[in-house]
PDB file of all heavy atoms in Angstrom:
ATOM      1  N   ALA A   1       5.788  -2.535  -7.687  1.00  0.00           N
ATOM      2  CA  ALA A   1       6.759  -3.131  -6.767  1.00  0.00           C
ATOM      3  C   ALA A   1       6.857  -2.252  -5.523  1.00  0.00           C
ATOM      4  O   ALA A   1       7.662  -1.320  -5.477  1.00  0.00           O
ATOM      5  CB  ALA A   1       8.116  -3.270  -7.444  1.00  0.00           C
ATOM      6  N   PRO A   2       6.032  -2.504  -4.500  1.00  0.00           N
ATOM      7  CA  PRO A   2       5.991  -1.617  -3.333  1.00  0.00           C
ATOM      8  C   PRO A   2       7.357  -1.356  -2.690  1.00  0.00           C
ATOM      9  O   PRO A   2       7.648  -0.230  -2.293  1.00  0.00           O
ATOM     10  CB  PRO A   2       5.053  -2.356  -2.368  1.00  0.00           C
ATOM     11  CG  PRO A   2       4.166  -3.158  -3.252  1.00  0.00           C
ATOM     12  CD  PRO A   2       5.037  -3.589  -4.384  1.00  0.00           C
ATOM     13  N   TRP A   3       8.189  -2.409  -2.598  1.00  0.00           N
ATOM     14  CA  TRP A   3       9.472  -2.234  -1.910  1.00  0.00           C
ATOM     15  C   TRP A   3      10.458  -1.386  -2.693  1.00  0.00           C
ATOM     16  O   TRP A   3      11.554  -1.095  -2.207  1.00  0.00           O
ATOM     17  CB  TRP A   3      10.092  -3.595  -1.590  1.00  0.00           C
ATOM     18  CG  TRP A   3       9.437  -4.271  -0.421  1.00  0.00           C
ATOM     19  CD1 TRP A   3       8.696  -5.418  -0.439  1.00  0.00           C
ATOM     20  CD2 TRP A   3       9.464  -3.842   0.947  1.00  0.00           C
ATOM     21  NE1 TRP A   3       8.256  -5.715   0.824  1.00  0.00           N
ATOM     22  CE2 TRP A   3       8.712  -4.781   1.701  1.00  0.00           C
ATOM     23  CE3 TRP A   3      10.053  -2.758   1.617  1.00  0.00           C
ATOM     24  CZ2 TRP A   3       8.531  -4.666   3.079  1.00  0.00           C
ATOM     25  CZ3 TRP A   3       9.880  -2.653   2.984  1.00  0.00           C
ATOM     26  CH2 TRP A   3       9.120  -3.594   3.701  1.00  0.00           C
ATOM     27  N   ARG A   4      10.090  -0.952  -3.918  1.00  0.00           N
ATOM     28  CA  ARG A   4      10.925  -0.008  -4.664  1.00  0.00           C
ATOM     29  C   ARG A   4      10.288   1.379  -4.734  1.00  0.00           C
ATOM     30  O   ARG A   4      10.850   2.282  -5.368  1.00  0.00           O
ATOM     31  CB  ARG A   4      11.204  -0.525  -6.079  1.00  0.00           C
ATOM     32  CG  ARG A   4      12.047  -1.798  -6.123  1.00  0.00           C
ATOM     33  CD  ARG A   4      12.778  -1.952  -7.456  1.00  0.00           C
ATOM     34  NE  ARG A   4      11.880  -1.896  -8.588  1.00  0.00           N
ATOM     35  CZ  ARG A   4      11.273  -2.952  -9.119  1.00  0.00           C
ATOM     36  NH1 ARG A   4      11.448  -4.155  -8.604  1.00  0.00           N
ATOM     37  NH2 ARG A   4      10.487  -2.823 -10.167  1.00  0.00           N
ATOM     38  N   LEU A   5       9.135   1.544  -4.120  1.00  0.00           N
ATOM     39  CA  LEU A   5       8.449   2.837  -4.140  1.00  0.00           C
ATOM     40  C   LEU A   5       8.777   3.612  -2.868  1.00  0.00           C
ATOM     41  O   LEU A   5       8.548   3.116  -1.763  1.00  0.00           O
ATOM     42  CB  LEU A   5       6.932   2.633  -4.237  1.00  0.00           C
ATOM     43  CG  LEU A   5       6.421   1.927  -5.498  1.00  0.00           C
ATOM     44  CD1 LEU A   5       4.929   1.663  -5.388  1.00  0.00           C
ATOM     45  CD2 LEU A   5       6.735   2.761  -6.739  1.00  0.00           C
ATOM     46  N   PRO A   6       9.308   4.838  -2.991  1.00  0.00           N
ATOM     47  CA  PRO A   6       9.688   5.615  -1.796  1.00  0.00           C
ATOM     48  C   PRO A   6       8.549   5.767  -0.796  1.00  0.00           C
ATOM     49  O   PRO A   6       8.771   5.705   0.409  1.00  0.00           O
ATOM     50  CB  PRO A   6      10.113   6.967  -2.375  1.00  0.00           C
ATOM     51  CG  PRO A   6      10.517   6.667  -3.777  1.00  0.00           C
ATOM     52  CD  PRO A   6       9.631   5.557  -4.234  1.00  0.00           C
ATOM     53  N   GLU A   7       7.313   5.940  -1.288  1.00  0.00           N
ATOM     54  CA  GLU A   7       6.191   6.142  -0.369  1.00  0.00           C
ATOM     55  C   GLU A   7       5.917   4.886   0.460  1.00  0.00           C
ATOM     56  O   GLU A   7       5.282   4.962   1.514  1.00  0.00           O
ATOM     57  CB  GLU A   7       4.925   6.564  -1.127  1.00  0.00           C
ATOM     58  CG  GLU A   7       4.436   5.603  -2.199  1.00  0.00           C
ATOM     59  CD  GLU A   7       4.997   5.898  -3.583  1.00  0.00           C
ATOM     60  OE1 GLU A   7       6.142   6.362  -3.676  1.00  0.00           O
ATOM     61  OE2 GLU A   7       4.269   5.658  -4.571  1.00  0.00           O
ATOM     62  N   PHE A   8       6.409   3.736  -0.011  1.00  0.00           N
ATOM     63  CA  PHE A   8       6.243   2.498   0.765  1.00  0.00           C
ATOM     64  C   PHE A   8       7.455   2.234   1.654  1.00  0.00           C
ATOM     65  O   PHE A   8       7.331   2.072   2.865  1.00  0.00           O
ATOM     66  CB  PHE A   8       6.007   1.308  -0.172  1.00  0.00           C
ATOM     67  CG  PHE A   8       5.672   0.026   0.552  1.00  0.00           C
ATOM     68  CD1 PHE A   8       4.372  -0.267   0.903  1.00  0.00           C
ATOM     69  CD2 PHE A   8       6.666  -0.887   0.891  1.00  0.00           C
ATOM     70  CE1 PHE A   8       4.047  -1.441   1.571  1.00  0.00           C
ATOM     71  CE2 PHE A   8       6.362  -2.065   1.557  1.00  0.00           C
ATOM     72  CZ  PHE A   8       5.046  -2.339   1.899  1.00  0.00           C
ATOM     73  N   TYR A   9       8.657   2.207   1.055  1.00  0.00           N
ATOM     74  CA  TYR A   9       9.811   1.800   1.866  1.00  0.00           C
ATOM     75  C   TYR A   9      10.237   2.859   2.873  1.00  0.00           C
ATOM     76  O   TYR A   9      10.879   2.533   3.878  1.00  0.00           O
ATOM     77  CB  TYR A   9      10.989   1.340   0.993  1.00  0.00           C
ATOM     78  CG  TYR A   9      11.669   2.373   0.135  1.00  0.00           C
ATOM     79  CD1 TYR A   9      12.461   3.378   0.684  1.00  0.00           C
ATOM     80  CD2 TYR A   9      11.568   2.309  -1.253  1.00  0.00           C
ATOM     81  CE1 TYR A   9      13.098   4.305  -0.117  1.00  0.00           C
ATOM     82  CE2 TYR A   9      12.211   3.229  -2.066  1.00  0.00           C
ATOM     83  CZ  TYR A   9      12.983   4.220  -1.491  1.00  0.00           C
ATOM     84  OH  TYR A   9      13.626   5.140  -2.291  1.00  0.00           O
ATOM     85  N   GLN A  10       9.876   4.116   2.642  1.00  0.00           N
ATOM     86  CA  GLN A  10      10.165   5.125   3.666  1.00  0.00           C
ATOM     87  C   GLN A  10       9.188   5.004   4.839  1.00  0.00           C
ATOM     88  O   GLN A  10       9.540   5.316   5.979  1.00  0.00           O
ATOM     89  CB  GLN A  10      10.106   6.521   3.052  1.00  0.00           C
ATOM     90  CG  GLN A  10      11.277   6.823   2.131  1.00  0.00           C
ATOM     91  CD  GLN A  10      11.147   8.138   1.398  1.00  0.00           C
ATOM     92  OE1 GLN A  10      10.194   8.890   1.605  1.00  0.00           O
ATOM     93  NE2 GLN A  10      12.095   8.436   0.523  1.00  0.00           N
ATOM     94  N   ARG A  11       7.991   4.534   4.542  1.00  0.00           N
ATOM     95  CA  ARG A  11       6.998   4.324   5.595  1.00  0.00           C
ATOM     96  C   ARG A  11       7.285   3.035   6.375  1.00  0.00           C
ATOM     97  O   ARG A  11       7.005   2.941   7.562  1.00  0.00           O
ATOM     98  CB  ARG A  11       5.605   4.247   4.961  1.00  0.00           C
ATOM     99  CG  ARG A  11       4.462   4.144   5.965  1.00  0.00           C
ATOM    100  CD  ARG A  11       3.136   4.217   5.225  1.00  0.00           C
ATOM    101  NE  ARG A  11       1.999   4.062   6.122  1.00  0.00           N
ATOM    102  CZ  ARG A  11       0.728   4.032   5.707  1.00  0.00           C
ATOM    103  NH1 ARG A  11       0.462   4.175   4.417  1.00  0.00           N
ATOM    104  NH2 ARG A  11      -0.252   3.880   6.572  1.00  0.00           N
ATOM    105  N   PHE A  12       7.874   2.064   5.682  1.00  0.00           N
ATOM    106  CA  PHE A  12       8.170   0.771   6.307  1.00  0.00           C
ATOM    107  C   PHE A  12       9.647   0.421   6.133  1.00  0.00           C
ATOM    108  O   PHE A  12       9.997  -0.442   5.318  1.00  0.00           O
ATOM    109  CB  PHE A  12       7.302  -0.332   5.691  1.00  0.00           C
ATOM    110  CG  PHE A  12       5.829  -0.052   5.729  1.00  0.00           C
ATOM    111  CD1 PHE A  12       5.147   0.266   4.567  1.00  0.00           C
ATOM    112  CD2 PHE A  12       5.135  -0.093   6.921  1.00  0.00           C
ATOM    113  CE1 PHE A  12       3.784   0.527   4.583  1.00  0.00           C
ATOM    114  CE2 PHE A  12       3.759   0.169   6.954  1.00  0.00           C
ATOM    115  CZ  PHE A  12       3.087   0.483   5.788  1.00  0.00           C
ATOM    116  N   PRO A  13      10.520   1.083   6.884  1.00  0.00           N
ATOM    117  CA  PRO A  13      11.958   0.812   6.731  1.00  0.00           C
ATOM    118  C   PRO A  13      12.384  -0.551   7.251  1.00  0.00           C
ATOM    119  O   PRO A  13      13.484  -1.014   6.957  1.00  0.00           O
ATOM    120  CB  PRO A  13      12.622   1.933   7.533  1.00  0.00           C
ATOM    121  CG  PRO A  13      11.585   2.384   8.508  1.00  0.00           C
ATOM    122  CD  PRO A  13      10.267   2.182   7.835  1.00  0.00           C
ATOM    123  N   GLY A  14      11.531  -1.220   8.015  1.00  0.00           N
ATOM    124  CA  GLY A  14      11.890  -2.531   8.548  1.00  0.00           C
ATOM    125  C   GLY A  14      10.662  -3.339   8.910  1.00  0.00           C
ATOM    126  O   GLY A  14       9.519  -2.870   8.824  1.00  0.00           O
ATOM    127  N   ARG A  15      10.886  -4.581   9.345  1.00  0.00           N
ATOM    128  CA  ARG A  15       9.771  -5.472   9.661  1.00  0.00           C
ATOM    129  C   ARG A  15       9.023  -5.022  10.916  1.00  0.00           C
ATOM    130  O   ARG A  15       7.836  -5.300  11.076  1.00  0.00           O
ATOM    131  CB  ARG A  15      10.275  -6.908   9.806  1.00  0.00           C
ATOM    132  CG  ARG A  15      10.735  -7.485   8.482  1.00  0.00           C
ATOM    133  CD  ARG A  15      11.273  -8.888   8.605  1.00  0.00           C
ATOM    134  NE  ARG A  15      10.241  -9.898   8.748  1.00  0.00           N
ATOM    135  CZ  ARG A  15       9.493 -10.364   7.752  1.00  0.00           C
ATOM    136  NH1 ARG A  15       9.634  -9.881   6.532  1.00  0.00           N
ATOM    137  NH2 ARG A  15       8.604 -11.308   7.967  1.00  0.00           N
ATOM    138  N   ARG A  16       9.707  -4.318  11.804  1.00  0.00           N
ATOM    139  CA  ARG A  16       9.019  -3.837  13.004  1.00  0.00           C
ATOM    140  C   ARG A  16       7.912  -2.852  12.620  1.00  0.00           C
ATOM    141  O   ARG A  16       6.812  -2.881  13.192  1.00  0.00           O
ATOM    142  CB  ARG A  16      10.014  -3.168  13.959  1.00  0.00           C
ATOM    143  CG  ARG A  16       9.371  -2.710  15.262  1.00  0.00           C
ATOM    144  CD  ARG A  16      10.420  -2.319  16.274  1.00  0.00           C
ATOM    145  NE  ARG A  16      11.215  -3.456  16.706  1.00  0.00           N
ATOM    146  CZ  ARG A  16      10.819  -4.321  17.640  1.00  0.00           C
ATOM    147  NH1 ARG A  16       9.642  -4.178  18.230  1.00  0.00           N
ATOM    148  NH2 ARG A  16      11.591  -5.316  17.991  1.00  0.00           N
ATOM    149  N   GLU A  17       8.202  -1.973  11.647  1.00  0.00           N
ATOM    150  CA  GLU A  17       7.176  -1.025  11.201  1.00  0.00           C
ATOM    151  C   GLU A  17       6.006  -1.758  10.529  1.00  0.00           C
ATOM    152  O   GLU A  17       4.843  -1.366  10.665  1.00  0.00           O
ATOM    153  CB  GLU A  17       7.789  -0.007  10.238  1.00  0.00           C
ATOM    154  CG  GLU A  17       8.690   1.031  10.905  1.00  0.00           C
ATOM    155  CD  GLU A  17      10.082   0.496  11.235  1.00  0.00           C
ATOM    156  OE1 GLU A  17      10.441  -0.603  10.740  1.00  0.00           O
ATOM    157  OE2 GLU A  17      10.815   1.172  11.974  1.00  0.00           O
ATOM    158  N   LEU A  18       6.334  -2.830   9.801  1.00  0.00           N
ATOM    159  CA  LEU A  18       5.265  -3.637   9.201  1.00  0.00           C
ATOM    160  C   LEU A  18       4.400  -4.273  10.280  1.00  0.00           C
ATOM    161  O   LEU A  18       3.170  -4.309  10.168  1.00  0.00           O
ATOM    162  CB  LEU A  18       5.864  -4.723   8.311  1.00  0.00           C
ATOM    163  CG  LEU A  18       6.311  -4.332   6.901  1.00  0.00           C
ATOM    164  CD1 LEU A  18       6.993  -5.520   6.231  1.00  0.00           C
ATOM    165  CD2 LEU A  18       5.155  -3.844   6.050  1.00  0.00           C
ATOM    166  N   MET A  19       5.041  -4.782  11.331  1.00  0.00           N
ATOM    167  CA  MET A  19       4.289  -5.404  12.417  1.00  0.00           C
ATOM    168  C   MET A  19       3.408  -4.387  13.135  1.00  0.00           C
ATOM    169  O   MET A  19       2.275  -4.690  13.521  1.00  0.00           O
ATOM    170  CB  MET A  19       5.243  -6.101  13.381  1.00  0.00           C
ATOM    171  CG  MET A  19       5.798  -7.417  12.839  1.00  0.00           C
ATOM    172  SD  MET A  19       6.815  -8.311  14.041  1.00  0.00           S
ATOM    173  CE  MET A  19       8.441  -7.777  13.569  1.00  0.00           C
ATOM    174  N   ASP A  20       3.919  -3.149  13.289  1.00  0.00           N
ATOM    175  CA  ASP A  20       3.111  -2.086  13.899  1.00  0.00           C
ATOM    176  C   ASP A  20       1.906  -1.759  13.023  1.00  0.00           C
ATOM    177  O   ASP A  20       0.790  -1.553  13.522  1.00  0.00           O
ATOM    178  CB  ASP A  20       3.963  -0.831  14.116  1.00  0.00           C
ATOM    179  CG  ASP A  20       5.023  -1.012  15.196  1.00  0.00           C
ATOM    180  OD1 ASP A  20       4.883  -1.961  16.005  1.00  0.00           O
ATOM    181  OD2 ASP A  20       5.985  -0.227  15.219  1.00  0.00           O
ATOM    182  N   TYR A  21       2.129  -1.705  11.705  1.00  0.00           N
ATOM    183  CA  TYR A  21       1.055  -1.426  10.751  1.00  0.00           C
ATOM    184  C   TYR A  21       0.007  -2.542  10.806  1.00  0.00           C
ATOM    185  O   TYR A  21      -1.210  -2.278  10.785  1.00  0.00           O
ATOM    186  CB  TYR A  21       1.659  -1.319   9.354  1.00  0.00           C
ATOM    187  CG  TYR A  21       0.679  -1.017   8.242  1.00  0.00           C
ATOM    188  CD1 TYR A  21       0.241   0.288   8.001  1.00  0.00           C
ATOM    189  CD2 TYR A  21       0.227  -2.023   7.387  1.00  0.00           C
ATOM    190  CE1 TYR A  21      -0.637   0.559   6.959  1.00  0.00           C
ATOM    191  CE2 TYR A  21      -0.640  -1.753   6.349  1.00  0.00           C
ATOM    192  CZ  TYR A  21      -1.067  -0.457   6.133  1.00  0.00           C
ATOM    193  OH  TYR A  21      -1.929  -0.186   5.099  1.00  0.00           O
ATOM    194  N   ALA A  22       0.485  -3.796  10.877  1.00  0.00           N
ATOM    195  CA  ALA A  22      -0.431  -4.928  10.953  1.00  0.00           C
ATOM    196  C   ALA A  22      -1.278  -4.856  12.219  1.00  0.00           C
ATOM    197  O   ALA A  22      -2.488  -5.102  12.193  1.00  0.00           O
ATOM    198  CB  ALA A  22       0.358  -6.238  10.907  1.00  0.00           C
ATOM    199  N   LYS A  23      -0.647  -4.514  13.325  1.00  0.00           N
ATOM    200  CA  LYS A  23      -1.383  -4.411  14.589  1.00  0.00           C
ATOM    201  C   LYS A  23      -2.426  -3.306  14.520  1.00  0.00           C
ATOM    202  O   LYS A  23      -3.567  -3.472  14.954  1.00  0.00           O
ATOM    203  CB  LYS A  23      -0.397  -4.142  15.726  1.00  0.00           C
ATOM    204  CG  LYS A  23      -1.033  -4.142  17.111  1.00  0.00           C
ATOM    205  CD  LYS A  23       0.025  -3.964  18.199  1.00  0.00           C
ATOM    206  CE  LYS A  23      -0.613  -3.975  19.579  1.00  0.00           C
ATOM    207  NZ  LYS A  23       0.418  -3.787  20.648  1.00  0.00           N
ATOM    208  N   LYS A  24      -2.057  -2.176  13.933  1.00  0.00           N
ATOM    209  CA  LYS A  24      -2.959  -1.034  13.826  1.00  0.00           C
ATOM    210  C   LYS A  24      -4.180  -1.371  12.974  1.00  0.00           C
ATOM    211  O   LYS A  24      -5.300  -0.923  13.254  1.00  0.00           O
ATOM    212  CB  LYS A  24      -2.201   0.158  13.225  1.00  0.00           C
ATOM    213  CG  LYS A  24      -3.061   1.393  13.006  1.00  0.00           C
ATOM    214  CD  LYS A  24      -2.239   2.506  12.365  1.00  0.00           C
ATOM    215  CE  LYS A  24      -3.116   3.713  12.044  1.00  0.00           C
ATOM    216  NZ  LYS A  24      -2.337   4.783  11.353  1.00  0.00           N
ATOM    217  N   HIS A  25      -3.975  -2.170  11.914  1.00  0.00           N
ATOM    218  CA  HIS A  25      -5.062  -2.472  10.988  1.00  0.00           C
ATOM    219  C   HIS A  25      -5.705  -3.831  11.258  1.00  0.00           C
ATOM    220  O   HIS A  25      -6.509  -4.308  10.442  1.00  0.00           O
ATOM    221  CB  HIS A  25      -4.548  -2.420   9.541  1.00  0.00           C
ATOM    222  CG  HIS A  25      -4.238  -1.029   9.064  1.00  0.00           C
ATOM    223  ND1 HIS A  25      -3.047  -0.394   9.340  1.00  0.00           N
ATOM    224  CD2 HIS A  25      -4.983  -0.139   8.360  1.00  0.00           C
ATOM    225  CE1 HIS A  25      -3.058   0.817   8.817  1.00  0.00           C
ATOM    226  NE2 HIS A  25      -4.225   0.998   8.229  1.00  0.00           N
ATOM    227  N   GLY A  26      -5.358  -4.444  12.381  1.00  0.00           N
ATOM    228  CA  GLY A  26      -5.973  -5.719  12.727  1.00  0.00           C
ATOM    229  C   GLY A  26      -5.621  -6.847  11.783  1.00  0.00           C
ATOM    230  O   GLY A  26      -6.453  -7.719  11.502  1.00  0.00           O
ATOM    231  N   ILE A  27      -4.388  -6.837  11.272  1.00  0.00           N
ATOM    232  CA  ILE A  27      -3.938  -7.873  10.338  1.00  0.00           C
ATOM    233  C   ILE A  27      -3.253  -8.986  11.127  1.00  0.00           C
ATOM    234  O   ILE A  27      -2.180  -8.765  11.701  1.00  0.00           O
ATOM    235  CB  ILE A  27      -2.955  -7.299   9.298  1.00  0.00           C
ATOM    236  CG1 ILE A  27      -3.585  -6.134   8.522  1.00  0.00           C
ATOM    237  CG2 ILE A  27      -2.492  -8.390   8.334  1.00  0.00           C
ATOM    238  CD1 ILE A  27      -2.599  -5.366   7.656  1.00  0.00           C
ATOM    239  N   PRO A  28      -3.833 -10.186  11.190  1.00  0.00           N
ATOM    240  CA  PRO A  28      -3.154 -11.286  11.890  1.00  0.00           C
ATOM    241  C   PRO A  28      -1.959 -11.767  11.083  1.00  0.00           C
ATOM    242  O   PRO A  28      -2.066 -12.018   9.880  1.00  0.00           O
ATOM    243  CB  PRO A  28      -4.236 -12.371  11.975  1.00  0.00           C
ATOM    244  CG  PRO A  28      -5.189 -12.064  10.873  1.00  0.00           C
ATOM    245  CD  PRO A  28      -5.140 -10.578  10.634  1.00  0.00           C
ATOM    246  N   VAL A  29      -0.807 -11.874  11.720  1.00  0.00           N
ATOM    247  CA  VAL A  29       0.412 -12.292  11.024  1.00  0.00           C
ATOM    248  C   VAL A  29       1.130 -13.359  11.842  1.00  0.00           C
ATOM    249  O   VAL A  29       1.020 -13.389  13.068  1.00  0.00           O
ATOM    250  CB  VAL A  29       1.363 -11.098  10.759  1.00  0.00           C
ATOM    251  CG1 VAL A  29       0.769 -10.149   9.744  1.00  0.00           C
ATOM    252  CG2 VAL A  29       1.677 -10.362  12.050  1.00  0.00           C
ATOM    253  N   PRO A  30       1.886 -14.234  11.162  1.00  0.00           N
ATOM    254  CA  PRO A  30       2.528 -15.352  11.860  1.00  0.00           C
ATOM    255  C   PRO A  30       3.885 -15.027  12.460  1.00  0.00           C
ATOM    256  O   PRO A  30       4.547 -15.904  12.978  1.00  0.00           O
ATOM    257  CB  PRO A  30       2.679 -16.390  10.738  1.00  0.00           C
ATOM    258  CG  PRO A  30       2.862 -15.573   9.511  1.00  0.00           C
ATOM    259  CD  PRO A  30       2.018 -14.333   9.711  1.00  0.00           C
ATOM    260  N   VAL A  31       4.333 -13.765  12.360  1.00  0.00           N
ATOM    261  CA  VAL A  31       5.645 -13.418  12.898  1.00  0.00           C
ATOM    262  C   VAL A  31       5.482 -12.516  14.114  1.00  0.00           C
ATOM    263  O   VAL A  31       4.476 -11.842  14.284  1.00  0.00           O
ATOM    264  CB  VAL A  31       6.528 -12.710  11.843  1.00  0.00           C
ATOM    265  CG1 VAL A  31       6.754 -13.609  10.659  1.00  0.00           C
ATOM    266  CG2 VAL A  31       5.921 -11.389  11.412  1.00  0.00           C
ATOM    267  N   THR A  32       6.505 -12.516  14.961  1.00  0.00           N
ATOM    268  CA  THR A  32       6.539 -11.665  16.145  1.00  0.00           C
ATOM    269  C   THR A  32       7.913 -11.037  16.210  1.00  0.00           C
ATOM    270  O   THR A  32       8.840 -11.458  15.500  1.00  0.00           O
ATOM    271  CB  THR A  32       6.318 -12.490  17.421  1.00  0.00           C
ATOM    272  OG1 THR A  32       7.442 -13.377  17.589  1.00  0.00           O
ATOM    273  CG2 THR A  32       5.038 -13.306  17.344  1.00  0.00           C
ATOM    274  N   PRO A  33       8.116 -10.008  17.053  1.00  0.00           N
ATOM    275  CA  PRO A  33       9.466  -9.450  17.187  1.00  0.00           C
ATOM    276  C   PRO A  33      10.501 -10.487  17.616  1.00  0.00           C
ATOM    277  O   PRO A  33      11.681 -10.336  17.337  1.00  0.00           O
ATOM    278  CB  PRO A  33       9.285  -8.368  18.267  1.00  0.00           C
ATOM    279  CG  PRO A  33       7.846  -7.961  18.147  1.00  0.00           C
ATOM    280  CD  PRO A  33       7.116  -9.217  17.798  1.00  0.00           C
ATOM    281  N   GLN A  34      10.041 -11.568  18.280  1.00  0.00           N
ATOM    282  CA  GLN A  34      10.978 -12.606  18.710  1.00  0.00           C
ATOM    283  C   GLN A  34      11.310 -13.579  17.569  1.00  0.00           C
ATOM    284  O   GLN A  34      12.373 -14.192  17.562  1.00  0.00           O
ATOM    285  CB  GLN A  34      10.394 -13.392  19.895  1.00  0.00           C
ATOM    286  CG  GLN A  34      10.326 -12.607  21.202  1.00  0.00           C
ATOM    287  CD  GLN A  34       9.216 -11.560  21.189  1.00  0.00           C
ATOM    288  OE1 GLN A  34       8.134 -11.814  20.660  1.00  0.00           O
ATOM    289  NE2 GLN A  34       9.483 -10.391  21.741  1.00  0.00           N
ATOM    290  N   THR A  35      10.394 -13.749  16.633  1.00  0.00           N
ATOM    291  CA  THR A  35      10.628 -14.641  15.487  1.00  0.00           C
ATOM    292  C   THR A  35      10.290 -13.891  14.196  1.00  0.00           C
ATOM    293  O   THR A  35       9.280 -14.178  13.543  1.00  0.00           O
ATOM    294  CB  THR A  35       9.756 -15.913  15.598  1.00  0.00           C
ATOM    295  OG1 THR A  35       8.375 -15.517  15.695  1.00  0.00           O
ATOM    296  CG2 THR A  35      10.118 -16.720  16.828  1.00  0.00           C
ATOM    297  N   PRO A  36      11.130 -12.927  13.814  1.00  0.00           N
ATOM    298  CA  PRO A  36      10.769 -12.042  12.706  1.00  0.00           C
ATOM    299  C   PRO A  36      11.154 -12.563  11.324  1.00  0.00           C
ATOM    300  O   PRO A  36      11.039 -11.835  10.351  1.00  0.00           O
ATOM    301  CB  PRO A  36      11.583 -10.781  13.028  1.00  0.00           C
ATOM    302  CG  PRO A  36      12.827 -11.310  13.659  1.00  0.00           C
ATOM    303  CD  PRO A  36      12.400 -12.528  14.436  1.00  0.00           C
TER     304      PRO A  36
END
C-alpha cells in the first residue's frame, strides 16, 4: 500500500508532487494543476 509507506507519502505529500514526478518521468496524465 504505497500511500501508507513513509518512503512514498513523504516523497509525494500531494498531487502536485505526483504531477512533477510524472513530468520528470514522461508519464502522460489526464490531470493538470487547474483540474487536479
